Amino acid sequence: MSEFLSNLYPWTKSLHIIAVLTWMAGLFYLPRIFVYHTEKVTPGHETDALFQVMEMKLYRYIMNPSIIAVWIFGLALVLTPNVVYWDSIWPYTKGACVIAMTWFHMWLGARRKDFVAGRNTRTGRTFRMMNEVPTLLMLVIVFSVVVKF
């Protein structure tokens, strides 16, 4: 199994990076759509339905498959020999941030359901502030993996 994972390492790493890029695109974009949905649309208006379709398609068809791929290829990288050195701090900081980003993904899914049910109580300002969460987590992840402190 170790040799198999080692041979696939360049492919696994490439697919992991691609999945991260598509997931991050959704994590950056969905809160921004929520801002416009909150500030520019009246619940029940035809534009409300349009925003709900956009949000559903982004979440279901881009973000969900991406998060699954991120976790599958990320765990494959963790299991590949000589990729992760557990005596360093970086695997733990990256892991904590990936778990936090996964929570954020789920939080966005719950907020999408709030819009569908017509019970969104968050403001555009809240969504703007939450839009910074993936950026901060991404910075910690990238510096952790590249610097390997």
C-alpha atoms as a PDB file:
ATOM      1  CA  MET A   1       0.000   0.000   0.000  1.00  0.00           C
ATOM      2  CA  SER A   2       2.838   2.391   0.866  1.00  0.00           C
ATOM      3  CA  GLU A   3       4.544   1.855  -2.479  1.00  0.00           C
ATOM      4  CA  PHE A   4       1.230   2.317  -4.289  1.00  0.00           C
ATOM      5  CA  LEU A   5       0.599   5.656  -2.531  1.00  0.00           C
ATOM      6  CA  SER A   6       4.187   6.759  -3.150  1.00  0.00           C
ATOM      7  CA  ASN A   7       3.869   6.046  -6.874  1.00  0.00           C
ATOM      8  CA  LEU A   8       0.617   8.012  -7.037  1.00  0.00           C
ATOM      9  CA  TYR A   9       1.987  10.924  -4.992  1.00  0.00           C
ATOM     10  CA  PRO A  10       2.307  13.500  -7.834  1.00  0.00           C
ATOM     11  CA  TRP A  11      -1.216  12.667  -9.045  1.00  0.00           C
ATOM     12  CA  THR A  12      -2.685  12.705  -5.558  1.00  0.00           C
ATOM     13  CA  LYS A  13      -1.046  16.038  -4.751  1.00  0.00           C
ATOM     14  CA  SER A  14      -2.203  17.557  -8.057  1.00  0.00           C
ATOM     15  CA  LEU A  15      -5.789  16.406  -7.552  1.00  0.00           C
ATOM     16  CA  HIS A  16      -5.717  17.665  -3.955  1.00  0.00           C
ATOM     17  CA  ILE A  17      -4.583  21.129  -5.095  1.00  0.00           C
ATOM     18  CA  ILE A  18      -7.262  21.252  -7.821  1.00  0.00           C
ATOM     19  CA  ALA A  19      -9.954  20.232  -5.332  1.00  0.00           C
ATOM     20  CA  VAL A  20      -8.751  22.844  -2.834  1.00  0.00           C
ATOM     21  CA  LEU A  21      -8.888  25.558  -5.512  1.00  0.00           C
ATOM     22  CA  THR A  22     -12.461  24.737  -6.508  1.00  0.00           C
ATOM     23  CA  TRP A  23     -13.569  24.411  -2.877  1.00  0.00           C
ATOM     24  CA  MET A  24     -11.982  27.734  -1.952  1.00  0.00           C
ATOM     25  CA  ALA A  25     -13.671  29.426  -4.918  1.00  0.00           C
ATOM     26  CA  GLY A  26     -17.027  28.350  -3.514  1.00  0.00           C
ATOM     27  CA  LEU A  27     -16.103  29.299   0.052  1.00  0.00           C
ATOM     28  CA  PHE A  28     -15.191  32.786  -1.165  1.00  0.00           C
ATOM     29  CA  TYR A  29     -18.167  33.242  -3.492  1.00  0.00           C
ATOM     30  CA  LEU A  30     -21.152  31.836  -1.556  1.00  0.00           C
ATOM     31  CA  PRO A  31     -20.954  34.341   1.337  1.00  0.00           C
ATOM     32  CA  ARG A  32     -20.741  37.145  -1.239  1.00  0.00           C
ATOM     33  CA  ILE A  33     -23.920  35.858  -2.921  1.00  0.00           C
ATOM     34  CA  PHE A  34     -25.529  35.786   0.543  1.00  0.00           C
ATOM     35  CA  VAL A  35     -24.617  39.472   1.003  1.00  0.00           C
ATOM     36  CA  TYR A  36     -26.466  40.439  -2.188  1.00  0.00           C
ATOM     37  CA  HIS A  37     -29.331  38.064  -1.409  1.00  0.00           C
ATOM     38  CA  THR A  38     -29.741  39.674   2.018  1.00  0.00           C
ATOM     39  CA  GLU A  39     -29.390  43.297   0.939  1.00  0.00           C
ATOM     40  CA  LYS A  40     -31.002  43.408  -2.504  1.00  0.00           C
ATOM     41  CA  VAL A  41     -33.780  40.804  -2.498  1.00  0.00           C
ATOM     42  CA  THR A  42     -37.187  40.679  -0.831  1.00  0.00           C
ATOM     43  CA  PRO A  43     -38.132  37.159   0.357  1.00  0.00           C
ATOM     44  CA  GLY A  44     -40.707  35.581  -1.941  1.00  0.00           C
ATOM     45  CA  HIS A  45     -39.805  37.849  -4.889  1.00  0.00           C
ATOM     46  CA  GLU A  46     -38.831  36.110  -8.143  1.00  0.00           C
ATOM     47  CA  THR A  47     -35.233  37.279  -7.636  1.00  0.00           C
ATOM     48  CA  ASP A  48     -35.270  35.389  -4.330  1.00  0.00           C
ATOM     49  CA  ALA A  49     -35.857  32.149  -6.246  1.00  0.00           C
ATOM     50  CA  LEU A  50     -33.054  33.029  -8.678  1.00  0.00           C
ATOM     51  CA  PHE A  51     -30.586  33.570  -5.815  1.00  0.00           C
ATOM     52  CA  GLN A  52     -31.680  30.321  -4.196  1.00  0.00           C
ATOM     53  CA  VAL A  53     -30.985  28.398  -7.413  1.00  0.00           C
ATOM     54  CA  MET A  54     -27.545  30.020  -7.750  1.00  0.00           C
ATOM     55  CA  GLU A  55     -26.713  29.240  -4.117  1.00  0.00           C
ATOM     56  CA  MET A  56     -27.956  25.652  -4.374  1.00  0.00           C
ATOM     57  CA  LYS A  57     -26.000  24.927  -7.551  1.00  0.00           C
ATOM     58  CA  LEU A  58     -22.795  26.430  -6.187  1.00  0.00           C
ATOM     59  CA  TYR A  59     -23.101  24.528  -2.909  1.00  0.00           C
ATOM     60  CA  ARG A  60     -24.368  21.195  -4.229  1.00  0.00           C
ATOM     61  CA  TYR A  61     -22.539  20.880  -7.550  1.00  0.00           C
ATOM     62  CA  ILE A  62     -19.232  22.637  -6.900  1.00  0.00           C
ATOM     63  CA  MET A  63     -18.567  22.933  -3.184  1.00  0.00           C
ATOM     64  CA  ASN A  64     -19.817  19.526  -1.995  1.00  0.00           C
ATOM     65  CA  PRO A  65     -17.894  17.444  -4.565  1.00  0.00           C
ATOM     66  CA  SER A  66     -14.831  19.616  -3.928  1.00  0.00           C
ATOM     67  CA  ILE A  67     -14.850  19.119  -0.151  1.00  0.00           C
ATOM     68  CA  ILE A  68     -15.184  15.361  -0.638  1.00  0.00           C
ATOM     69  CA  ALA A  69     -12.225  15.346  -3.039  1.00  0.00           C
ATOM     70  CA  VAL A  70     -10.174  17.567  -0.690  1.00  0.00           C
ATOM     71  CA  TRP A  71     -10.670  15.125   2.163  1.00  0.00           C
ATOM     72  CA  ILE A  72     -10.066  11.975   0.069  1.00  0.00           C
ATOM     73  CA  PHE A  73      -6.867  13.231  -1.569  1.00  0.00           C
ATOM     74  CA  GLY A  74      -5.731  14.979   1.618  1.00  0.00           C
ATOM     75  CA  LEU A  75      -6.056  11.775   3.637  1.00  0.00           C
ATOM     76  CA  ALA A  76      -4.267   9.869   0.859  1.00  0.00           C
ATOM     77  CA  LEU A  77      -1.397  12.371   1.172  1.00  0.00           C
ATOM     78  CA  VAL A  78      -1.330  11.903   4.949  1.00  0.00           C
ATOM     79  CA  LEU A  79      -1.032   8.138   4.439  1.00  0.00           C
ATOM     80  CA  THR A  80       1.721   8.482   1.819  1.00  0.00           C
ATOM     81  CA  PRO A  81       5.124   7.716   3.375  1.00  0.00           C
ATOM     82  CA  ASN A  82       7.506  10.629   3.980  1.00  0.00           C
ATOM     83  CA  VAL A  83       4.959  13.358   3.218  1.00  0.00           C
ATOM     84  CA  VAL A  84       3.869  14.298   6.738  1.00  0.00           C
ATOM     85  CA  TYR A  85       6.329  14.541   9.607  1.00  0.00           C
ATOM     86  CA  TRP A  86       4.339  14.267  12.819  1.00  0.00           C
ATOM     87  CA  ASP A  87       7.148  15.652  14.987  1.00  0.00           C
ATOM     88  CA  SER A  88       6.525  19.092  13.408  1.00  0.00           C
ATOM     89  CA  ILE A  89       3.743  21.513  14.307  1.00  0.00           C
ATOM     90  CA  TRP A  90       2.518  22.173  10.759  1.00  0.00           C
ATOM     91  CA  PRO A  91       0.397  19.015  10.289  1.00  0.00           C
ATOM     92  CA  TYR A  92      -1.590  19.896  13.396  1.00  0.00           C
ATOM     93  CA  THR A  93      -2.118  23.546  12.462  1.00  0.00           C
ATOM     94  CA  LYS A  94      -3.151  22.557   8.951  1.00  0.00           C
ATOM     95  CA  GLY A  95      -5.454  19.851  10.274  1.00  0.00           C
ATOM     96  CA  ALA A  96      -7.124  22.229  12.729  1.00  0.00           C
ATOM     97  CA  CYS A  97      -7.654  24.805   9.969  1.00  0.00           C
ATOM     98  CA  VAL A  98      -9.076  22.211   7.554  1.00  0.00           C
ATOM     99  CA  ILE A  99     -11.525  21.111  10.249  1.00  0.00           C
ATOM    100  CA  ALA A 100     -12.451  24.773  10.852  1.00  0.00           C
ATOM    101  CA  MET A 101     -12.916  25.300   7.104  1.00  0.00           C
ATOM    102  CA  THR A 102     -15.101  22.194   6.972  1.00  0.00           C
ATOM    103  CA  TRP A 103     -17.213  23.672   9.786  1.00  0.00           C
ATOM    104  CA  PHE A 104     -17.482  26.906   7.758  1.00  0.00           C
ATOM    105  CA  HIS A 105     -18.649  24.896   4.737  1.00  0.00           C
ATOM    106  CA  MET A 106     -21.388  23.308   6.866  1.00  0.00           C
ATOM    107  CA  TRP A 107     -22.303  26.700   8.351  1.00  0.00           C
ATOM    108  CA  LEU A 108     -22.789  28.056   4.821  1.00  0.00           C
ATOM    109  CA  GLY A 109     -25.012  25.067   4.022  1.00  0.00           C
ATOM    110  CA  ALA A 110     -27.170  25.844   7.063  1.00  0.00           C
ATOM    111  CA  ARG A 111     -27.435  29.494   6.030  1.00  0.00           C
ATOM    112  CA  ARG A 112     -28.489  28.425   2.521  1.00  0.00           C
ATOM    113  CA  LYS A 113     -31.290  26.382   4.082  1.00  0.00           C
ATOM    114  CA  ASP A 114     -32.324  29.456   6.087  1.00  0.00           C
ATOM    115  CA  PHE A 115     -32.808  31.375   2.834  1.00  0.00           C
ATOM    116  CA  VAL A 116     -34.817  28.485   1.340  1.00  0.00           C
ATOM    117  CA  ALA A 117     -37.086  28.430   4.416  1.00  0.00           C
ATOM    118  CA  GLY A 118     -37.450  32.225   4.327  1.00  0.00           C
ATOM    119  CA  ARG A 119     -35.954  32.617   7.794  1.00  0.00           C
ATOM    120  CA  ASN A 120     -32.569  34.222   7.234  1.00  0.00           C
ATOM    121  CA  THR A 121     -31.803  36.477  10.198  1.00  0.00           C
ATOM    122  CA  ARG A 122     -28.201  37.329   9.296  1.00  0.00           C
ATOM    123  CA  THR A 123     -27.261  40.728   7.915  1.00  0.00           C
ATOM    124  CA  GLY A 124     -25.107  41.522   4.916  1.00  0.00           C
ATOM    125  CA  ARG A 125     -22.475  42.738   7.376  1.00  0.00           C
ATOM    126  CA  THR A 126     -22.412  39.318   9.069  1.00  0.00           C
ATOM    127  CA  PHE A 127     -21.873  37.586   5.737  1.00  0.00           C
ATOM    128  CA  ARG A 128     -19.153  40.106   4.810  1.00  0.00           C
ATOM    129  CA  MET A 129     -17.318  39.398   8.065  1.00  0.00           C
ATOM    130  CA  MET A 130     -17.735  35.628   7.706  1.00  0.00           C
ATOM    131  CA  ASN A 131     -16.382  35.932   4.163  1.00  0.00           C
ATOM    132  CA  GLU A 132     -12.961  36.615   5.727  1.00  0.00           C
ATOM    133  CA  VAL A 133     -12.889  33.292   7.606  1.00  0.00           C
ATOM    134  CA  PRO A 134     -11.676  31.136   4.680  1.00  0.00           C
ATOM    135  CA  THR A 135      -9.009  33.726   3.821  1.00  0.00           C
ATOM    136  CA  LEU A 136      -7.535  33.650   7.315  1.00  0.00           C
ATOM    137  CA  LEU A 137      -7.657  29.858   7.468  1.00  0.00           C
ATOM    138  CA  MET A 138      -6.088  29.607   4.005  1.00  0.00           C
ATOM    139  CA  LEU A 139      -3.182  31.823   5.077  1.00  0.00           C
ATOM    140  CA  VAL A 140      -2.451  29.609   8.076  1.00  0.00           C
ATOM    141  CA  ILE A 141      -2.710  26.459   5.950  1.00  0.00           C
ATOM    142  CA  VAL A 142      -0.426  27.718   3.185  1.00  0.00           C
ATOM    143  CA  PHE A 143       2.239  29.026   5.561  1.00  0.00           C
ATOM    144  CA  SER A 144       2.033  25.820   7.610  1.00  0.00           C
ATOM    145  CA  VAL A 145       2.536  23.572   4.590  1.00  0.00           C
ATOM    146  CA  VAL A 146       5.152  25.658   2.799  1.00  0.00           C
ATOM    147  CA  VAL A 147       7.241  26.825   5.778  1.00  0.00           C
ATOM    148  CA  LYS A 148       6.732  23.529   7.678  1.00  0.00           C
ATOM    149  CA  PHE A 149       7.398  25.000  11.116  1.00  0.00           C
END
